[in-house]
Amino acid sequence: MNKDQKNEVIELLKDKFNQYNNFYVTNTESLTVEQVGKLRRICFDKNVEMKVAKNTLIKKALESIDSTRFSAVCSSR
């Protein structure tokens, strides 16, 4: 992924984070493929939008929105 593509993803994430009052950032790496598929189906059935993005891009998007408000997320591993 080149720098322009990363910046596009950051802008998309910023738009999504600003669009909603509530959102979850979670790590699904310990889930099996079957569990992730089930989670995606549940989200779809409940009209919940699920996006997958690199941690660094999520952190950069949140920092550019409000680094103080999201400092706990941005400073975590």
N, C-alpha and C. Protein backbone atom coordinates (compact mmCIF):
# COMPACT_ATOMS: atom_id res chain seq x y z
N MET A 1 0.85 -1.17 0.00
CA MET A 1 0.00 0.00 0.00
C MET A 1 0.90 1.23 0.00
N ASN A 2 0.73 2.10 -0.99
CA ASN A 2 1.57 3.30 -1.05
C ASN A 2 0.99 4.41 -0.18
N LYS A 3 1.72 5.51 -0.07
CA LYS A 3 1.35 6.60 0.82
C LYS A 3 -0.01 7.21 0.45
N ASP A 4 -0.29 7.37 -0.84
CA ASP A 4 -1.57 7.93 -1.27
C ASP A 4 -2.73 7.02 -0.87
N GLN A 5 -2.54 5.71 -1.01
CA GLN A 5 -3.58 4.76 -0.62
C GLN A 5 -3.80 4.80 0.89
N LYS A 6 -2.73 4.91 1.65
CA LYS A 6 -2.85 5.00 3.10
C LYS A 6 -3.61 6.26 3.50
N ASN A 7 -3.28 7.38 2.84
CA ASN A 7 -3.99 8.63 3.13
C ASN A 7 -5.47 8.53 2.79
N GLU A 8 -5.80 7.82 1.72
CA GLU A 8 -7.20 7.60 1.35
C GLU A 8 -7.93 6.83 2.45
N VAL A 9 -7.29 5.78 2.94
CA VAL A 9 -7.89 4.97 4.00
C VAL A 9 -8.07 5.81 5.26
N ILE A 10 -7.09 6.61 5.61
CA ILE A 10 -7.18 7.47 6.79
C ILE A 10 -8.35 8.43 6.65
N GLU A 11 -8.51 9.03 5.49
CA GLU A 11 -9.64 9.95 5.25
C GLU A 11 -10.98 9.22 5.35
N LEU A 12 -11.06 8.02 4.79
CA LEU A 12 -12.28 7.22 4.88
C LEU A 12 -12.60 6.91 6.33
N LEU A 13 -11.59 6.50 7.09
CA LEU A 13 -11.80 6.20 8.50
C LEU A 13 -12.24 7.43 9.28
N LYS A 14 -11.61 8.56 9.01
CA LYS A 14 -12.01 9.81 9.68
C LYS A 14 -13.47 10.12 9.41
N ASP A 15 -13.89 9.97 8.16
CA ASP A 15 -15.29 10.22 7.80
C ASP A 15 -16.23 9.28 8.57
N LYS A 16 -15.85 8.00 8.65
CA LYS A 16 -16.67 7.02 9.36
C LYS A 16 -16.73 7.34 10.85
N PHE A 17 -15.59 7.64 11.46
CA PHE A 17 -15.57 7.95 12.89
C PHE A 17 -16.38 9.21 13.19
N ASN A 18 -16.32 10.20 12.31
CA ASN A 18 -17.08 11.43 12.52
C ASN A 18 -18.56 11.25 12.25
N GLN A 19 -18.90 10.25 11.45
CA GLN A 19 -20.29 10.01 11.05
C GLN A 19 -21.12 9.46 12.20
N TYR A 20 -20.50 8.72 13.10
CA TYR A 20 -21.22 8.03 14.16
C TYR A 20 -20.82 8.53 15.54
N ASN A 21 -21.79 8.55 16.46
CA ASN A 21 -21.51 8.92 17.84
C ASN A 21 -20.77 7.82 18.58
N ASN A 22 -21.03 6.58 18.19
CA ASN A 22 -20.42 5.42 18.84
C ASN A 22 -19.79 4.51 17.81
N PHE A 23 -18.63 3.97 18.16
CA PHE A 23 -17.99 2.98 17.31
C PHE A 23 -17.07 2.13 18.18
N TYR A 24 -16.76 0.95 17.71
CA TYR A 24 -15.88 0.03 18.41
C TYR A 24 -14.63 -0.22 17.59
N VAL A 25 -13.51 -0.26 18.25
CA VAL A 25 -12.26 -0.67 17.63
C VAL A 25 -11.88 -1.94 18.38
N THR A 26 -11.75 -3.03 17.65
CA THR A 26 -11.49 -4.31 18.29
C THR A 26 -10.47 -5.13 17.52
N ASN A 27 -9.88 -6.07 18.20
CA ASN A 27 -8.89 -6.95 17.60
C ASN A 27 -9.53 -8.32 17.42
N THR A 28 -9.58 -8.81 16.20
CA THR A 28 -10.20 -10.10 15.92
C THR A 28 -9.18 -11.19 15.60
N GLU A 29 -7.90 -10.93 15.83
CA GLU A 29 -6.88 -11.89 15.42
C GLU A 29 -6.96 -13.22 16.16
N SER A 30 -7.55 -13.25 17.34
CA SER A 30 -7.66 -14.52 18.07
C SER A 30 -8.89 -15.33 17.65
N LEU A 31 -9.74 -14.76 16.80
CA LEU A 31 -10.93 -15.46 16.33
C LEU A 31 -10.58 -16.35 15.14
N THR A 32 -11.32 -17.44 15.03
CA THR A 32 -11.15 -18.32 13.87
C THR A 32 -11.86 -17.69 12.67
N VAL A 33 -11.60 -18.20 11.50
CA VAL A 33 -12.27 -17.71 10.29
C VAL A 33 -13.78 -17.89 10.44
N GLU A 34 -14.19 -19.00 10.99
CA GLU A 34 -15.62 -19.26 11.20
C GLU A 34 -16.23 -18.23 12.14
N GLN A 35 -15.52 -17.89 13.22
CA GLN A 35 -16.02 -16.90 14.17
C GLN A 35 -16.11 -15.51 13.55
N VAL A 36 -15.12 -15.15 12.75
CA VAL A 36 -15.16 -13.85 12.08
C VAL A 36 -16.32 -13.81 11.10
N GLY A 37 -16.54 -14.90 10.38
CA GLY A 37 -17.67 -14.97 9.45
C GLY A 37 -18.99 -14.82 10.18
N LYS A 38 -19.11 -15.45 11.34
CA LYS A 38 -20.33 -15.34 12.13
C LYS A 38 -20.52 -13.90 12.62
N LEU A 39 -19.43 -13.28 13.08
CA LEU A 39 -19.49 -11.88 13.52
C LEU A 39 -19.93 -10.97 12.38
N ARG A 40 -19.40 -11.19 11.19
CA ARG A 40 -19.78 -10.38 10.03
C ARG A 40 -21.27 -10.55 9.70
N ARG A 41 -21.76 -11.79 9.78
CA ARG A 41 -23.18 -12.04 9.52
C ARG A 41 -24.07 -11.35 10.54
N ILE A 42 -23.68 -11.42 11.82
CA ILE A 42 -24.45 -10.76 12.88
C ILE A 42 -24.47 -9.25 12.64
N CYS A 43 -23.31 -8.69 12.32
CA CYS A 43 -23.24 -7.24 12.04
C CYS A 43 -24.15 -6.89 10.87
N PHE A 44 -24.10 -7.66 9.82
CA PHE A 44 -24.93 -7.42 8.64
C PHE A 44 -26.41 -7.47 9.02
N ASP A 45 -26.81 -8.50 9.77
CA ASP A 45 -28.21 -8.66 10.17
C ASP A 45 -28.70 -7.51 11.04
N LYS A 46 -27.79 -6.92 11.82
CA LYS A 46 -28.15 -5.81 12.73
C LYS A 46 -27.89 -4.44 12.12
N ASN A 47 -27.55 -4.41 10.84
CA ASN A 47 -27.21 -3.15 10.14
C ASN A 47 -26.05 -2.42 10.79
N VAL A 48 -25.07 -3.19 11.26
CA VAL A 48 -23.85 -2.63 11.83
C VAL A 48 -22.77 -2.73 10.77
N GLU A 49 -22.11 -1.62 10.52
CA GLU A 49 -21.05 -1.60 9.51
C GLU A 49 -19.75 -2.07 10.14
N MET A 50 -19.11 -3.05 9.52
CA MET A 50 -17.84 -3.58 10.02
C MET A 50 -16.76 -3.31 8.98
N LYS A 51 -15.72 -2.61 9.40
CA LYS A 51 -14.58 -2.31 8.53
C LYS A 51 -13.32 -2.91 9.12
N VAL A 52 -12.42 -3.31 8.27
CA VAL A 52 -11.12 -3.84 8.71
C VAL A 52 -10.05 -2.86 8.24
N ALA A 53 -9.15 -2.50 9.16
CA ALA A 53 -8.09 -1.56 8.80
C ALA A 53 -6.87 -1.83 9.68
N LYS A 54 -5.73 -1.38 9.21
CA LYS A 54 -4.49 -1.52 9.97
C LYS A 54 -4.54 -0.63 11.21
N ASN A 55 -3.97 -1.13 12.30
CA ASN A 55 -3.96 -0.38 13.56
C ASN A 55 -3.38 1.02 13.39
N THR A 56 -2.27 1.11 12.68
CA THR A 56 -1.61 2.42 12.52
C THR A 56 -2.51 3.41 11.81
N LEU A 57 -3.25 2.95 10.81
CA LEU A 57 -4.12 3.85 10.07
C LEU A 57 -5.30 4.30 10.94
N ILE A 58 -5.80 3.39 11.76
CA ILE A 58 -6.88 3.75 12.69
C ILE A 58 -6.36 4.81 13.67
N LYS A 59 -5.18 4.57 14.23
CA LYS A 59 -4.60 5.52 15.18
C LYS A 59 -4.39 6.89 14.55
N LYS A 60 -3.86 6.92 13.33
CA LYS A 60 -3.63 8.20 12.65
C LYS A 60 -4.93 8.93 12.39
N ALA A 61 -5.97 8.19 12.01
CA ALA A 61 -7.28 8.81 11.77
C ALA A 61 -7.83 9.40 13.07
N LEU A 62 -7.76 8.65 14.15
CA LEU A 62 -8.28 9.13 15.43
C LEU A 62 -7.46 10.31 15.95
N GLU A 63 -6.14 10.24 15.81
CA GLU A 63 -5.28 11.35 16.26
C GLU A 63 -5.61 12.63 15.51
N SER A 64 -5.89 12.52 14.22
CA SER A 64 -6.17 13.72 13.44
C SER A 64 -7.55 14.30 13.76
N ILE A 65 -8.44 13.48 14.32
CA ILE A 65 -9.76 13.98 14.73
C ILE A 65 -9.63 14.71 16.06
N ASP A 66 -9.07 14.01 17.06
CA ASP A 66 -8.93 14.60 18.39
C ASP A 66 -7.96 13.73 19.20
N SER A 67 -6.72 14.13 19.21
CA SER A 67 -5.68 13.31 19.87
C SER A 67 -5.89 13.21 21.38
N THR A 68 -6.51 14.22 21.99
CA THR A 68 -6.77 14.17 23.43
C THR A 68 -7.89 13.20 23.75
N ARG A 69 -8.98 13.31 23.02
CA ARG A 69 -10.15 12.45 23.26
C ARG A 69 -9.82 10.98 23.05
N PHE A 70 -9.02 10.68 22.05
CA PHE A 70 -8.71 9.29 21.72
C PHE A 70 -7.30 8.88 22.15
N SER A 71 -6.75 9.57 23.13
CA SER A 71 -5.37 9.30 23.55
C SER A 71 -5.19 7.87 24.07
N ALA A 72 -6.20 7.31 24.72
CA ALA A 72 -6.08 5.94 25.24
C ALA A 72 -5.94 4.94 24.09
N VAL A 73 -6.66 5.17 23.02
CA VAL A 73 -6.59 4.27 21.87
C VAL A 73 -5.28 4.48 21.13
N CYS A 74 -4.90 5.72 20.96
CA CYS A 74 -3.71 6.05 20.17
C CYS A 74 -2.41 5.67 20.87
N SER A 75 -2.43 5.60 22.19
CA SER A 75 -1.19 5.27 22.90
C SER A 75 -1.06 3.77 23.17
N SER A 76 -2.14 3.02 22.93
CA SER A 76 -2.07 1.58 23.18
C SER A 76 -1.25 0.88 22.11
N ARG A 77 -0.82 -0.31 22.41
CA ARG A 77 -0.02 -1.11 21.49
C ARG A 77 -0.66 -1.31 20.17
